[in-house]
Amino acid sequence: MPLEHLLFVAFVLFATGGAGVLARRNILVVMMSIELMLNAVNLVFVAFARSLGDNGAHVMVMMIFVVAAVEIAIGMAIVVNMYRQRQSIGADAFRIMRG
């Protein structure tokens, strides 16, 4: 598969994730869209590593997987706590967290 095809798929995934972050008000959909964007970046790293014959990018991909897992764990803890307090997981309910 040519590099251009993989980059196009990564662009479509990233654009879909970006649209989900900007258009949705449900915080769970926003978190899933962020995960989609991180996976698009992972696809770009793997595509360039494959085309250049370099294995160093795979370490970066694993680090992004760790960051994504931590983001979901902390994000879900915040969402559950906010749902218990406000009975809503809409993005508007999170405005009280501002300083």
Foldseek 3Di string as FASTA:
>chain_A
DDLVVLLVVLVVQLVVLVCQLVPFFQVVSVLVSVVSNLVSVLSNLVSVCVVVVHPPSVVVNVVSVVVSVVCVVVVVVVQVVLCVVPVGRTNVSCPVVDD
